[in-house]
Amino acid sequence: MKRTNLLLTVLIALYIVGWSQPGKSELLELTGPYLGQEPLGLIPELFAPGFISTGLSEAVCNFTPDGQEVYFNVAYSVGKDAKSCIAFSKIVDGIWILLSS
């Protein structure tokens, strides 16, 4: 279980650093409420692209009542096995950092 969580954390970190996008190597730095995103409207759009919406199978995004943490599900495959974990982000020194459980 710890190895699977470590693998997921490394994959997410690599994606955030920009390895999945050639020529883009800067670290995303999100600040402000709701990961710096505009309040949701009536038109569907990706939420926090490159941070939460990464191309993996993310779902069920929930903020704590104070808006300081967000939890979401990430599903992925390891060989033939489907796995999932709860990932979360919280504000540290005004910047959202990504963690996994």
N, C-alpha and C. Protein backbone atom coordinates (compact mmCIF):
# COMPACT_ATOMS: atom_id res chain seq x y z
N MET A 1 0.82 -1.19 0.00
CA MET A 1 0.00 0.00 0.00
C MET A 1 0.87 1.26 0.00
N LYS A 2 1.93 1.28 0.85
CA LYS A 2 2.80 2.44 0.90
C LYS A 2 3.53 2.63 -0.42
N ARG A 3 3.93 1.54 -1.06
CA ARG A 3 4.62 1.63 -2.34
C ARG A 3 3.69 2.21 -3.41
N THR A 4 2.43 1.79 -3.41
CA THR A 4 1.46 2.31 -4.37
C THR A 4 1.24 3.80 -4.15
N ASN A 5 1.10 4.23 -2.90
CA ASN A 5 0.92 5.65 -2.60
C ASN A 5 2.15 6.45 -3.00
N LEU A 6 3.34 5.90 -2.78
CA LEU A 6 4.57 6.57 -3.17
C LEU A 6 4.62 6.72 -4.69
N LEU A 7 4.25 5.68 -5.42
CA LEU A 7 4.22 5.73 -6.88
C LEU A 7 3.26 6.81 -7.36
N LEU A 8 2.08 6.86 -6.79
CA LEU A 8 1.10 7.88 -7.18
C LEU A 8 1.63 9.27 -6.87
N THR A 9 2.22 9.47 -5.72
CA THR A 9 2.76 10.78 -5.36
C THR A 9 3.85 11.21 -6.33
N VAL A 10 4.72 10.29 -6.70
CA VAL A 10 5.79 10.61 -7.67
C VAL A 10 5.19 10.95 -9.02
N LEU A 11 4.20 10.19 -9.49
CA LEU A 11 3.58 10.47 -10.78
C LEU A 11 2.91 11.84 -10.78
N ILE A 12 2.19 12.15 -9.73
CA ILE A 12 1.53 13.46 -9.64
C ILE A 12 2.57 14.57 -9.60
N ALA A 13 3.61 14.38 -8.81
CA ALA A 13 4.66 15.40 -8.72
C ALA A 13 5.32 15.63 -10.07
N LEU A 14 5.63 14.56 -10.79
CA LEU A 14 6.24 14.71 -12.11
C LEU A 14 5.30 15.44 -13.05
N TYR A 15 4.03 15.12 -12.98
CA TYR A 15 3.06 15.80 -13.84
C TYR A 15 3.00 17.29 -13.52
N ILE A 16 2.96 17.62 -12.24
CA ILE A 16 2.87 19.01 -11.83
C ILE A 16 4.11 19.79 -12.27
N VAL A 17 5.28 19.19 -12.16
CA VAL A 17 6.51 19.87 -12.54
C VAL A 17 6.53 20.13 -14.04
N GLY A 18 5.74 19.40 -14.79
CA GLY A 18 5.63 19.69 -16.21
C GLY A 18 6.25 18.66 -17.12
N TRP A 19 6.66 17.51 -16.60
CA TRP A 19 7.27 16.50 -17.45
C TRP A 19 6.30 15.98 -18.49
N SER A 20 5.01 16.10 -18.25
CA SER A 20 4.02 15.61 -19.20
C SER A 20 3.80 16.61 -20.33
N GLN A 21 4.36 17.83 -20.19
CA GLN A 21 4.19 18.86 -21.20
C GLN A 21 5.56 19.33 -21.65
N PRO A 22 6.04 18.87 -22.84
CA PRO A 22 7.38 19.25 -23.29
C PRO A 22 7.54 20.77 -23.32
N GLY A 23 8.70 21.22 -22.86
CA GLY A 23 9.00 22.65 -22.86
C GLY A 23 8.43 23.41 -21.68
N LYS A 24 7.68 22.74 -20.83
CA LYS A 24 7.10 23.41 -19.67
C LYS A 24 7.64 22.76 -18.42
N SER A 25 8.52 23.47 -17.70
CA SER A 25 9.15 22.86 -16.54
C SER A 25 8.92 23.64 -15.26
N GLU A 26 8.18 24.76 -15.31
CA GLU A 26 7.96 25.52 -14.09
C GLU A 26 6.94 24.81 -13.20
N LEU A 27 7.12 25.00 -11.92
CA LEU A 27 6.21 24.41 -10.93
C LEU A 27 4.96 25.28 -10.83
N LEU A 28 3.81 24.65 -10.86
CA LEU A 28 2.57 25.41 -10.70
C LEU A 28 2.52 25.95 -9.28
N GLU A 29 2.19 27.20 -9.14
CA GLU A 29 2.07 27.81 -7.82
C GLU A 29 0.70 28.45 -7.72
N LEU A 30 -0.22 27.75 -7.08
CA LEU A 30 -1.59 28.23 -6.95
C LEU A 30 -1.78 28.89 -5.60
N THR A 31 -2.43 30.04 -5.61
CA THR A 31 -2.70 30.77 -4.38
C THR A 31 -4.16 31.21 -4.38
N GLY A 32 -4.66 31.56 -3.23
CA GLY A 32 -6.02 32.08 -3.12
C GLY A 32 -7.05 30.99 -2.90
N PRO A 33 -8.31 31.43 -2.67
CA PRO A 33 -9.39 30.47 -2.42
C PRO A 33 -9.62 29.56 -3.63
N TYR A 34 -10.07 28.37 -3.37
CA TYR A 34 -10.41 27.40 -4.42
C TYR A 34 -9.26 27.18 -5.39
N LEU A 35 -8.05 27.07 -4.85
CA LEU A 35 -6.85 26.82 -5.67
C LEU A 35 -6.63 27.91 -6.70
N GLY A 36 -7.06 29.13 -6.39
CA GLY A 36 -6.87 30.24 -7.30
C GLY A 36 -7.80 30.24 -8.50
N GLN A 37 -8.80 29.35 -8.49
CA GLN A 37 -9.74 29.26 -9.60
C GLN A 37 -10.89 30.24 -9.42
N GLU A 38 -11.47 30.65 -10.54
CA GLU A 38 -12.66 31.49 -10.49
C GLU A 38 -13.82 30.65 -9.92
N PRO A 39 -14.78 31.29 -9.25
CA PRO A 39 -15.95 30.53 -8.78
C PRO A 39 -16.63 29.81 -9.94
N LEU A 40 -17.15 28.64 -9.65
CA LEU A 40 -17.77 27.83 -10.70
C LEU A 40 -19.01 28.51 -11.25
N GLY A 41 -19.23 28.34 -12.54
CA GLY A 41 -20.40 28.90 -13.20
C GLY A 41 -21.27 27.79 -13.75
N LEU A 42 -22.05 28.10 -14.76
CA LEU A 42 -22.96 27.13 -15.35
C LEU A 42 -22.33 26.29 -16.46
N ILE A 43 -21.16 26.70 -16.94
CA ILE A 43 -20.50 25.98 -18.03
C ILE A 43 -19.42 25.08 -17.43
N PRO A 44 -19.46 23.77 -17.72
CA PRO A 44 -18.46 22.86 -17.17
C PRO A 44 -17.06 23.18 -17.70
N GLU A 45 -16.06 23.08 -16.83
CA GLU A 45 -14.68 23.27 -17.24
C GLU A 45 -13.77 22.50 -16.28
N LEU A 46 -12.54 22.26 -16.71
CA LEU A 46 -11.58 21.56 -15.86
C LEU A 46 -11.29 22.40 -14.63
N PHE A 47 -11.17 21.72 -13.50
CA PHE A 47 -10.86 22.42 -12.26
C PHE A 47 -9.37 22.27 -11.96
N ALA A 48 -8.69 23.36 -11.79
CA ALA A 48 -7.26 23.41 -11.46
C ALA A 48 -6.45 22.52 -12.41
N PRO A 49 -6.50 22.83 -13.73
CA PRO A 49 -5.76 22.01 -14.70
C PRO A 49 -4.27 21.93 -14.36
N GLY A 50 -3.72 20.73 -14.47
CA GLY A 50 -2.32 20.50 -14.16
C GLY A 50 -2.03 20.33 -12.69
N PHE A 51 -3.03 20.56 -11.85
CA PHE A 51 -2.83 20.41 -10.40
C PHE A 51 -3.74 19.32 -9.87
N ILE A 52 -5.06 19.47 -10.05
CA ILE A 52 -6.00 18.41 -9.70
C ILE A 52 -6.40 17.67 -10.97
N SER A 53 -6.77 18.38 -12.00
CA SER A 53 -7.13 17.76 -13.29
C SER A 53 -5.85 17.53 -14.08
N THR A 54 -5.31 16.31 -13.99
CA THR A 54 -3.98 16.04 -14.55
C THR A 54 -3.97 15.07 -15.71
N GLY A 55 -5.11 14.49 -16.04
CA GLY A 55 -5.13 13.45 -17.05
C GLY A 55 -5.26 12.07 -16.43
N LEU A 56 -5.04 11.97 -15.13
CA LEU A 56 -5.36 10.73 -14.42
C LEU A 56 -6.88 10.74 -14.23
N SER A 57 -7.40 9.80 -13.51
CA SER A 57 -8.84 9.75 -13.29
C SER A 57 -9.16 10.34 -11.92
N GLU A 58 -9.35 11.67 -11.87
CA GLU A 58 -9.66 12.35 -10.62
C GLU A 58 -11.16 12.58 -10.52
N ALA A 59 -11.66 12.51 -9.29
CA ALA A 59 -13.10 12.69 -9.10
C ALA A 59 -13.38 13.15 -7.67
N VAL A 60 -14.61 13.57 -7.44
CA VAL A 60 -15.16 13.89 -6.12
C VAL A 60 -14.24 14.86 -5.36
N CYS A 61 -14.23 16.08 -5.78
CA CYS A 61 -13.41 17.14 -5.18
C CYS A 61 -14.23 17.85 -4.11
N ASN A 62 -13.74 17.86 -2.87
CA ASN A 62 -14.46 18.50 -1.76
C ASN A 62 -13.52 19.37 -0.94
N PHE A 63 -13.97 20.59 -0.62
CA PHE A 63 -13.22 21.50 0.23
C PHE A 63 -13.71 21.40 1.66
N THR A 64 -12.81 21.64 2.61
CA THR A 64 -13.21 21.73 4.01
C THR A 64 -14.02 23.02 4.19
N PRO A 65 -14.83 23.10 5.23
CA PRO A 65 -15.66 24.29 5.42
C PRO A 65 -14.88 25.60 5.47
N ASP A 66 -13.64 25.58 5.98
CA ASP A 66 -12.86 26.82 6.03
C ASP A 66 -12.14 27.11 4.71
N GLY A 67 -12.23 26.20 3.72
CA GLY A 67 -11.62 26.42 2.42
C GLY A 67 -10.11 26.28 2.39
N GLN A 68 -9.52 25.73 3.45
CA GLN A 68 -8.06 25.63 3.54
C GLN A 68 -7.50 24.29 3.05
N GLU A 69 -8.37 23.30 2.83
CA GLU A 69 -7.94 21.99 2.33
C GLU A 69 -8.94 21.50 1.30
N VAL A 70 -8.45 20.70 0.36
CA VAL A 70 -9.32 20.07 -0.64
C VAL A 70 -8.91 18.59 -0.73
N TYR A 71 -9.91 17.73 -0.81
CA TYR A 71 -9.71 16.29 -0.91
C TYR A 71 -10.34 15.80 -2.20
N PHE A 72 -9.68 14.84 -2.89
CA PHE A 72 -10.24 14.30 -4.12
C PHE A 72 -9.70 12.90 -4.34
N ASN A 73 -10.42 12.13 -5.13
CA ASN A 73 -10.07 10.74 -5.42
C ASN A 73 -9.27 10.69 -6.71
N VAL A 74 -8.20 9.86 -6.71
CA VAL A 74 -7.41 9.62 -7.91
C VAL A 74 -7.37 8.12 -8.15
N ALA A 75 -7.83 7.71 -9.33
CA ALA A 75 -7.79 6.29 -9.71
C ALA A 75 -6.72 6.11 -10.76
N TYR A 76 -6.03 4.97 -10.72
CA TYR A 76 -4.94 4.69 -11.65
C TYR A 76 -4.76 3.19 -11.74
N SER A 77 -3.94 2.75 -12.68
CA SER A 77 -3.69 1.32 -12.87
C SER A 77 -2.24 1.00 -12.56
N VAL A 78 -2.04 -0.12 -11.90
CA VAL A 78 -0.72 -0.67 -11.67
C VAL A 78 -0.75 -2.06 -12.26
N GLY A 79 -0.19 -2.23 -13.46
CA GLY A 79 -0.32 -3.49 -14.17
C GLY A 79 -1.78 -3.72 -14.53
N LYS A 80 -2.31 -4.86 -14.13
CA LYS A 80 -3.71 -5.17 -14.41
C LYS A 80 -4.64 -4.73 -13.29
N ASP A 81 -4.07 -4.24 -12.20
CA ASP A 81 -4.87 -3.85 -11.04
C ASP A 81 -5.27 -2.38 -11.09
N ALA A 82 -6.52 -2.12 -10.80
CA ALA A 82 -7.01 -0.75 -10.66
C ALA A 82 -6.86 -0.34 -9.20
N LYS A 83 -6.32 0.81 -8.97
CA LYS A 83 -6.10 1.33 -7.61
C LYS A 83 -6.71 2.71 -7.51
N SER A 84 -6.93 3.14 -6.29
CA SER A 84 -7.35 4.52 -6.08
C SER A 84 -6.87 4.96 -4.71
N CYS A 85 -6.73 6.26 -4.57
CA CYS A 85 -6.36 6.81 -3.27
C CYS A 85 -7.00 8.19 -3.13
N ILE A 86 -7.02 8.67 -1.92
CA ILE A 86 -7.51 10.02 -1.66
C ILE A 86 -6.28 10.92 -1.61
N ALA A 87 -6.28 11.91 -2.49
CA ALA A 87 -5.21 12.91 -2.48
C ALA A 87 -5.79 14.18 -1.88
N PHE A 88 -4.92 15.04 -1.38
CA PHE A 88 -5.42 16.29 -0.84
C PHE A 88 -4.38 17.37 -0.98
N SER A 89 -4.86 18.58 -0.91
CA SER A 89 -4.01 19.75 -0.99
C SER A 89 -4.42 20.67 0.14
N LYS A 90 -3.46 21.42 0.63
CA LYS A 90 -3.78 22.41 1.66
C LYS A 90 -2.91 23.64 1.45
N ILE A 91 -3.35 24.74 2.03
CA ILE A 91 -2.60 25.99 1.93
C ILE A 91 -1.51 25.99 2.99
N VAL A 92 -0.26 26.19 2.54
CA VAL A 92 0.89 26.32 3.43
C VAL A 92 1.61 27.61 3.02
N ASP A 93 1.71 28.53 3.93
CA ASP A 93 2.33 29.84 3.66
C ASP A 93 1.71 30.51 2.43
N GLY A 94 0.37 30.38 2.27
CA GLY A 94 -0.34 31.05 1.20
C GLY A 94 -0.33 30.32 -0.14
N ILE A 95 0.34 29.17 -0.23
CA ILE A 95 0.45 28.42 -1.48
C ILE A 95 -0.16 27.03 -1.28
N TRP A 96 -0.94 26.59 -2.27
CA TRP A 96 -1.53 25.24 -2.22
C TRP A 96 -0.43 24.22 -2.50
N ILE A 97 -0.28 23.23 -1.61
CA ILE A 97 0.65 22.14 -1.84
C ILE A 97 -0.15 20.85 -2.00
N LEU A 98 0.33 19.96 -2.84
CA LEU A 98 -0.37 18.71 -3.13
C LEU A 98 0.23 17.58 -2.31
N LEU A 99 -0.64 16.81 -1.66
CA LEU A 99 -0.22 15.69 -0.82
C LEU A 99 -1.06 14.49 -1.18
N SER A 100 -0.68 13.32 -0.73
CA SER A 100 -1.55 12.15 -0.90
C SER A 100 -1.56 11.37 0.39
N SER A 101 -2.66 10.66 0.61
CA SER A 101 -2.80 9.89 1.86
C SER A 101 -2.31 8.49 1.68
